[in-house]
Amino acid sequence: MFGLFKKREPQERIELRKEFEKITKAVHGADSPVQVAVGYGINMANSLFIKRFSTVDAFVSLPREESASYIKSLTQFEEKMSSQDPPTAIGIGLFKMWIGVVAERDEELATQFSKEISYFSRKAP
């Protein structure tokens, strides 16, 4: 009865969260060089993001079409890197998932994702 009025999590959000958790669990189980490369991908994506937008707040204030276009460009970058350096591509993908939930103003998922990408980010030089 107590769960009757509980707000249900949208299926798309559940799938994104589970995918993120699946990927990060696999990376946690990987060797150190793989974790470093994932962190490098996160750091590279973050550096390019800061260069373009300066702050997360500036990105969040963009019109939806612009933020969606940026996320699409991250997908293209991730795909390009997947053939050259798969662990780095994974890092870019994790960053993309994080910035996507930030753009949606989903503070709960953004916080969860941020903890994981920060962990791997610190592994890279």
N, C-alpha and C. Protein backbone atom coordinates (compact mmCIF):
# COMPACT_ATOMS: atom_id res chain seq x y z
N MET A 1 0.81 -1.20 0.00
CA MET A 1 0.00 0.00 0.00
C MET A 1 0.86 1.26 0.00
N PHE A 2 2.00 1.21 0.68
CA PHE A 2 2.83 2.40 0.77
C PHE A 2 3.47 2.77 -0.57
N GLY A 3 3.63 1.81 -1.46
CA GLY A 3 4.20 2.09 -2.78
C GLY A 3 3.18 2.53 -3.80
N LEU A 4 1.91 2.58 -3.42
CA LEU A 4 0.85 2.93 -4.34
C LEU A 4 0.99 4.31 -4.95
N PHE A 5 1.41 5.26 -4.19
CA PHE A 5 1.49 6.64 -4.67
C PHE A 5 2.91 7.04 -5.04
N LYS A 6 3.81 6.09 -5.04
CA LYS A 6 5.18 6.36 -5.40
C LYS A 6 5.27 6.63 -6.90
N LYS A 7 5.98 7.67 -7.27
CA LYS A 7 6.16 8.03 -8.67
C LYS A 7 7.03 6.97 -9.36
N ARG A 8 6.57 6.47 -10.49
CA ARG A 8 7.31 5.45 -11.22
C ARG A 8 8.42 6.09 -12.04
N GLU A 9 9.55 5.42 -12.06
CA GLU A 9 10.68 5.87 -12.86
C GLU A 9 10.41 5.55 -14.32
N PRO A 10 10.56 6.55 -15.20
CA PRO A 10 10.33 6.29 -16.64
C PRO A 10 11.27 5.21 -17.17
N GLN A 11 10.78 4.40 -18.08
CA GLN A 11 11.55 3.28 -18.63
C GLN A 11 12.86 3.74 -19.28
N GLU A 12 12.82 4.84 -19.99
CA GLU A 12 14.04 5.36 -20.63
C GLU A 12 15.12 5.68 -19.59
N ARG A 13 14.70 6.24 -18.47
CA ARG A 13 15.64 6.58 -17.39
C ARG A 13 16.20 5.31 -16.77
N ILE A 14 15.35 4.32 -16.55
CA ILE A 14 15.80 3.03 -16.00
C ILE A 14 16.86 2.42 -16.90
N GLU A 15 16.59 2.41 -18.20
CA GLU A 15 17.53 1.81 -19.16
C GLU A 15 18.87 2.55 -19.18
N LEU A 16 18.83 3.88 -19.14
CA LEU A 16 20.05 4.66 -19.13
C LEU A 16 20.86 4.38 -17.86
N ARG A 17 20.19 4.39 -16.73
CA ARG A 17 20.87 4.12 -15.45
C ARG A 17 21.49 2.73 -15.45
N LYS A 18 20.75 1.74 -15.90
CA LYS A 18 21.27 0.37 -15.92
C LYS A 18 22.45 0.23 -16.89
N GLU A 19 22.37 0.89 -18.04
CA GLU A 19 23.48 0.85 -19.00
C GLU A 19 24.73 1.49 -18.40
N PHE A 20 24.56 2.63 -17.75
CA PHE A 20 25.68 3.31 -17.11
C PHE A 20 26.30 2.41 -16.04
N GLU A 21 25.45 1.81 -15.21
CA GLU A 21 25.93 0.94 -14.13
C GLU A 21 26.64 -0.29 -14.69
N LYS A 22 26.12 -0.85 -15.78
CA LYS A 22 26.74 -2.02 -16.42
C LYS A 22 28.14 -1.68 -16.93
N ILE A 23 28.24 -0.54 -17.59
CA ILE A 23 29.54 -0.12 -18.14
C ILE A 23 30.53 0.16 -17.02
N THR A 24 30.12 0.93 -16.03
CA THR A 24 31.06 1.28 -14.95
C THR A 24 31.48 0.05 -14.15
N LYS A 25 30.57 -0.90 -13.98
CA LYS A 25 30.93 -2.14 -13.27
C LYS A 25 32.00 -2.89 -14.06
N ALA A 26 31.84 -2.96 -15.36
CA ALA A 26 32.83 -3.64 -16.21
C ALA A 26 34.18 -2.92 -16.15
N VAL A 27 34.15 -1.60 -16.17
CA VAL A 27 35.41 -0.84 -16.12
C VAL A 27 36.08 -1.00 -14.75
N HIS A 28 35.30 -1.04 -13.69
CA HIS A 28 35.88 -1.28 -12.36
C HIS A 28 36.61 -2.62 -12.32
N GLY A 29 36.10 -3.60 -13.07
CA GLY A 29 36.71 -4.92 -13.09
C GLY A 29 37.86 -5.06 -14.07
N ALA A 30 38.11 -4.02 -14.85
CA ALA A 30 39.17 -4.06 -15.86
C ALA A 30 40.53 -3.76 -15.23
N ASP A 31 41.57 -4.07 -15.99
CA ASP A 31 42.94 -3.78 -15.56
C ASP A 31 43.16 -2.27 -15.47
N SER A 32 44.17 -1.89 -14.73
CA SER A 32 44.50 -0.48 -14.51
C SER A 32 44.69 0.31 -15.81
N PRO A 33 45.42 -0.21 -16.81
CA PRO A 33 45.59 0.58 -18.06
C PRO A 33 44.26 0.90 -18.74
N VAL A 34 43.32 -0.01 -18.66
CA VAL A 34 42.00 0.24 -19.25
C VAL A 34 41.29 1.35 -18.47
N GLN A 35 41.35 1.28 -17.15
CA GLN A 35 40.72 2.31 -16.32
C GLN A 35 41.35 3.68 -16.58
N VAL A 36 42.66 3.71 -16.76
CA VAL A 36 43.36 4.97 -17.07
C VAL A 36 42.88 5.51 -18.42
N ALA A 37 42.75 4.64 -19.41
CA ALA A 37 42.30 5.08 -20.74
C ALA A 37 40.86 5.59 -20.70
N VAL A 38 40.01 4.93 -19.91
CA VAL A 38 38.63 5.41 -19.75
C VAL A 38 38.66 6.79 -19.10
N GLY A 39 39.48 6.95 -18.07
CA GLY A 39 39.62 8.26 -17.43
C GLY A 39 40.14 9.31 -18.38
N TYR A 40 41.07 8.92 -19.25
CA TYR A 40 41.59 9.84 -20.26
C TYR A 40 40.47 10.30 -21.19
N GLY A 41 39.61 9.38 -21.61
CA GLY A 41 38.47 9.74 -22.47
C GLY A 41 37.54 10.72 -21.77
N ILE A 42 37.28 10.49 -20.50
CA ILE A 42 36.44 11.41 -19.71
C ILE A 42 37.10 12.78 -19.65
N ASN A 43 38.40 12.80 -19.33
CA ASN A 43 39.11 14.07 -19.19
C ASN A 43 39.19 14.83 -20.52
N MET A 44 39.38 14.09 -21.61
CA MET A 44 39.43 14.74 -22.92
C MET A 44 38.07 15.37 -23.25
N ALA A 45 37.01 14.59 -23.04
CA ALA A 45 35.66 15.11 -23.32
C ALA A 45 35.36 16.32 -22.43
N ASN A 46 35.77 16.25 -21.18
CA ASN A 46 35.53 17.36 -20.25
C ASN A 46 36.31 18.60 -20.66
N SER A 47 37.56 18.42 -21.06
CA SER A 47 38.38 19.56 -21.49
C SER A 47 37.77 20.26 -22.70
N LEU A 48 37.32 19.47 -23.67
CA LEU A 48 36.68 20.05 -24.85
C LEU A 48 35.37 20.74 -24.49
N PHE A 49 34.64 20.15 -23.55
CA PHE A 49 33.39 20.74 -23.08
C PHE A 49 33.65 22.11 -22.43
N ILE A 50 34.63 22.17 -21.53
CA ILE A 50 34.95 23.43 -20.83
C ILE A 50 35.44 24.48 -21.83
N LYS A 51 36.23 24.06 -22.79
CA LYS A 51 36.72 24.99 -23.81
C LYS A 51 35.55 25.60 -24.59
N ARG A 52 34.53 24.79 -24.86
CA ARG A 52 33.40 25.26 -25.66
C ARG A 52 32.36 26.03 -24.84
N PHE A 53 32.06 25.55 -23.63
CA PHE A 53 30.95 26.13 -22.87
C PHE A 53 31.37 26.85 -21.59
N SER A 54 32.58 26.69 -21.16
CA SER A 54 33.13 27.28 -19.93
C SER A 54 32.57 26.65 -18.66
N THR A 55 31.25 26.57 -18.52
CA THR A 55 30.66 26.03 -17.30
C THR A 55 29.47 25.12 -17.63
N VAL A 56 29.14 24.28 -16.68
CA VAL A 56 27.96 23.43 -16.82
C VAL A 56 26.70 24.30 -16.86
N ASP A 57 26.67 25.34 -16.04
CA ASP A 57 25.50 26.24 -16.03
C ASP A 57 25.27 26.88 -17.40
N ALA A 58 26.35 27.26 -18.08
CA ALA A 58 26.21 27.85 -19.41
C ALA A 58 25.62 26.83 -20.37
N PHE A 59 26.04 25.57 -20.25
CA PHE A 59 25.50 24.52 -21.11
C PHE A 59 24.02 24.28 -20.81
N VAL A 60 23.67 24.20 -19.55
CA VAL A 60 22.28 23.92 -19.15
C VAL A 60 21.34 25.03 -19.60
N SER A 61 21.85 26.24 -19.70
CA SER A 61 21.00 27.37 -20.09
C SER A 61 20.79 27.46 -21.62
N LEU A 62 21.48 26.62 -22.38
CA LEU A 62 21.32 26.63 -23.83
C LEU A 62 19.91 26.17 -24.23
N PRO A 63 19.46 26.60 -25.39
CA PRO A 63 18.21 26.03 -25.92
C PRO A 63 18.38 24.51 -26.10
N ARG A 64 17.30 23.80 -25.93
CA ARG A 64 17.30 22.33 -26.00
C ARG A 64 17.94 21.80 -27.29
N GLU A 65 17.67 22.48 -28.41
CA GLU A 65 18.22 22.02 -29.69
C GLU A 65 19.76 22.07 -29.68
N GLU A 66 20.32 23.11 -29.07
CA GLU A 66 21.78 23.24 -29.03
C GLU A 66 22.42 22.19 -28.15
N SER A 67 21.82 21.95 -26.98
CA SER A 67 22.39 20.92 -26.10
C SER A 67 22.25 19.54 -26.74
N ALA A 68 21.12 19.29 -27.40
CA ALA A 68 20.93 18.01 -28.09
C ALA A 68 21.94 17.84 -29.23
N SER A 69 22.22 18.92 -29.94
CA SER A 69 23.20 18.88 -31.02
C SER A 69 24.59 18.57 -30.47
N TYR A 70 24.93 19.16 -29.34
CA TYR A 70 26.23 18.88 -28.72
C TYR A 70 26.33 17.40 -28.31
N ILE A 71 25.28 16.88 -27.72
CA ILE A 71 25.28 15.48 -27.29
C ILE A 71 25.40 14.56 -28.51
N LYS A 72 24.77 14.94 -29.60
CA LYS A 72 24.90 14.17 -30.85
C LYS A 72 26.35 14.20 -31.33
N SER A 73 27.02 15.34 -31.20
CA SER A 73 28.42 15.42 -31.62
C SER A 73 29.31 14.54 -30.74
N LEU A 74 28.95 14.41 -29.46
CA LEU A 74 29.69 13.50 -28.58
C LEU A 74 29.52 12.05 -29.03
N THR A 75 28.32 11.71 -29.47
CA THR A 75 28.07 10.36 -29.98
C THR A 75 28.95 10.09 -31.19
N GLN A 76 29.06 11.05 -32.10
CA GLN A 76 29.90 10.90 -33.28
C GLN A 76 31.37 10.75 -32.90
N PHE A 77 31.81 11.54 -31.93
CA PHE A 77 33.19 11.47 -31.44
C PHE A 77 33.45 10.10 -30.80
N GLU A 78 32.50 9.64 -30.00
CA GLU A 78 32.60 8.33 -29.36
C GLU A 78 32.72 7.22 -30.41
N GLU A 79 31.89 7.28 -31.44
CA GLU A 79 31.91 6.28 -32.50
C GLU A 79 33.24 6.29 -33.25
N LYS A 80 33.75 7.48 -33.53
CA LYS A 80 35.04 7.60 -34.22
C LYS A 80 36.16 6.98 -33.38
N MET A 81 36.15 7.27 -32.09
CA MET A 81 37.19 6.77 -31.20
C MET A 81 37.07 5.27 -30.93
N SER A 82 35.89 4.72 -31.09
CA SER A 82 35.69 3.30 -30.76
C SER A 82 36.56 2.38 -31.62
N SER A 83 36.85 2.79 -32.83
CA SER A 83 37.72 1.96 -33.68
C SER A 83 39.20 2.22 -33.41
N GLN A 84 39.52 3.41 -32.92
CA GLN A 84 40.91 3.77 -32.67
C GLN A 84 41.37 3.40 -31.26
N ASP A 85 40.50 3.63 -30.27
CA ASP A 85 40.86 3.41 -28.87
C ASP A 85 39.59 3.14 -28.06
N PRO A 86 39.14 1.89 -28.04
CA PRO A 86 37.87 1.56 -27.38
C PRO A 86 37.73 2.04 -25.93
N PRO A 87 38.76 1.89 -25.06
CA PRO A 87 38.58 2.38 -23.69
C PRO A 87 38.37 3.90 -23.62
N THR A 88 39.07 4.63 -24.46
CA THR A 88 38.88 6.09 -24.49
C THR A 88 37.47 6.40 -24.96
N ALA A 89 36.97 5.65 -25.93
CA ALA A 89 35.59 5.84 -26.40
C ALA A 89 34.59 5.57 -25.28
N ILE A 90 34.88 4.59 -24.45
CA ILE A 90 34.00 4.32 -23.31
C ILE A 90 33.96 5.52 -22.38
N GLY A 91 35.11 6.12 -22.12
CA GLY A 91 35.15 7.32 -21.28
C GLY A 91 34.34 8.45 -21.87
N ILE A 92 34.43 8.65 -23.17
CA ILE A 92 33.65 9.68 -23.85
C ILE A 92 32.16 9.36 -23.71
N GLY A 93 31.81 8.10 -23.87
CA GLY A 93 30.42 7.69 -23.73
C GLY A 93 29.88 7.91 -22.32
N LEU A 94 30.70 7.62 -21.31
CA LEU A 94 30.27 7.87 -19.93
C LEU A 94 30.07 9.37 -19.69
N PHE A 95 30.99 10.18 -20.22
CA PHE A 95 30.84 11.64 -20.09
C PHE A 95 29.55 12.09 -20.77
N LYS A 96 29.27 11.53 -21.96
CA LYS A 96 28.07 11.89 -22.71
C LYS A 96 26.82 11.54 -21.91
N MET A 97 26.81 10.39 -21.27
CA MET A 97 25.65 10.00 -20.46
C MET A 97 25.46 10.99 -19.31
N TRP A 98 26.57 11.37 -18.68
CA TRP A 98 26.49 12.33 -17.58
C TRP A 98 25.96 13.68 -18.06
N ILE A 99 26.52 14.21 -19.14
CA ILE A 99 26.09 15.53 -19.60
C ILE A 99 24.65 15.48 -20.09
N GLY A 100 24.22 14.32 -20.57
CA GLY A 100 22.83 14.15 -20.98
C GLY A 100 21.86 14.28 -19.81
N VAL A 101 22.19 13.65 -18.68
CA VAL A 101 21.30 13.78 -17.52
C VAL A 101 21.40 15.17 -16.91
N VAL A 102 22.56 15.80 -17.03
CA VAL A 102 22.70 17.19 -16.58
C VAL A 102 21.79 18.08 -17.42
N ALA A 103 21.80 17.88 -18.73
CA ALA A 103 20.96 18.68 -19.62
C ALA A 103 19.48 18.49 -19.30
N GLU A 104 19.12 17.30 -18.85
CA GLU A 104 17.72 17.02 -18.49
C GLU A 104 17.39 17.48 -17.07
N ARG A 105 18.39 18.01 -16.40
CA ARG A 105 18.24 18.50 -15.02
C ARG A 105 17.80 17.39 -14.06
N ASP A 106 18.33 16.21 -14.29
CA ASP A 106 18.07 15.06 -13.43
C ASP A 106 19.18 15.01 -12.39
N GLU A 107 18.99 15.73 -11.30
CA GLU A 107 20.05 15.88 -10.30
C GLU A 107 20.44 14.56 -9.66
N GLU A 108 19.49 13.68 -9.45
CA GLU A 108 19.78 12.41 -8.81
C GLU A 108 20.74 11.57 -9.66
N LEU A 109 20.40 11.39 -10.94
CA LEU A 109 21.28 10.62 -11.83
C LEU A 109 22.59 11.37 -12.08
N ALA A 110 22.53 12.67 -12.22
CA ALA A 110 23.75 13.45 -12.46
C ALA A 110 24.74 13.24 -11.32
N THR A 111 24.24 13.22 -10.10
CA THR A 111 25.10 13.01 -8.93
C THR A 111 25.69 11.60 -8.96
N GLN A 112 24.84 10.60 -9.23
CA GLN A 112 25.31 9.22 -9.30
C GLN A 112 26.37 9.06 -10.39
N PHE A 113 26.10 9.57 -11.57
CA PHE A 113 27.02 9.44 -12.69
C PHE A 113 28.31 10.22 -12.42
N SER A 114 28.18 11.38 -11.81
CA SER A 114 29.33 12.22 -11.53
C SER A 114 30.34 11.51 -10.62
N LYS A 115 29.84 10.80 -9.65
CA LYS A 115 30.75 10.07 -8.74
C LYS A 115 31.58 9.06 -9.50
N GLU A 116 30.96 8.36 -10.42
CA GLU A 116 31.68 7.34 -11.19
C GLU A 116 32.67 7.97 -12.18
N ILE A 117 32.23 8.98 -12.92
CA ILE A 117 33.17 9.55 -13.88
C ILE A 117 34.31 10.27 -13.17
N SER A 118 34.05 10.82 -12.00
CA SER A 118 35.12 11.45 -11.22
C SER A 118 36.15 10.42 -10.78
N TYR A 119 35.67 9.26 -10.38
CA TYR A 119 36.57 8.16 -9.96
C TYR A 119 37.53 7.82 -11.09
N PHE A 120 37.00 7.59 -12.28
CA PHE A 120 37.85 7.20 -13.41
C PHE A 120 38.70 8.38 -13.91
N SER A 121 38.16 9.57 -13.84
CA SER A 121 38.90 10.76 -14.24
C SER A 121 40.18 10.91 -13.43
N ARG A 122 40.10 10.63 -12.14
CA ARG A 122 41.28 10.76 -11.28
C ARG A 122 42.35 9.71 -11.58
N LYS A 123 41.99 8.65 -12.27
CA LYS A 123 42.95 7.60 -12.62
C LYS A 123 43.88 8.03 -13.77
N ALA A 124 43.40 8.95 -14.59
CA ALA A 124 44.17 9.37 -15.77
C ALA A 124 45.07 10.54 -15.40
N PRO A 125 46.22 10.62 -16.07
CA PRO A 125 47.14 11.74 -15.79
C PRO A 125 46.61 13.07 -16.29
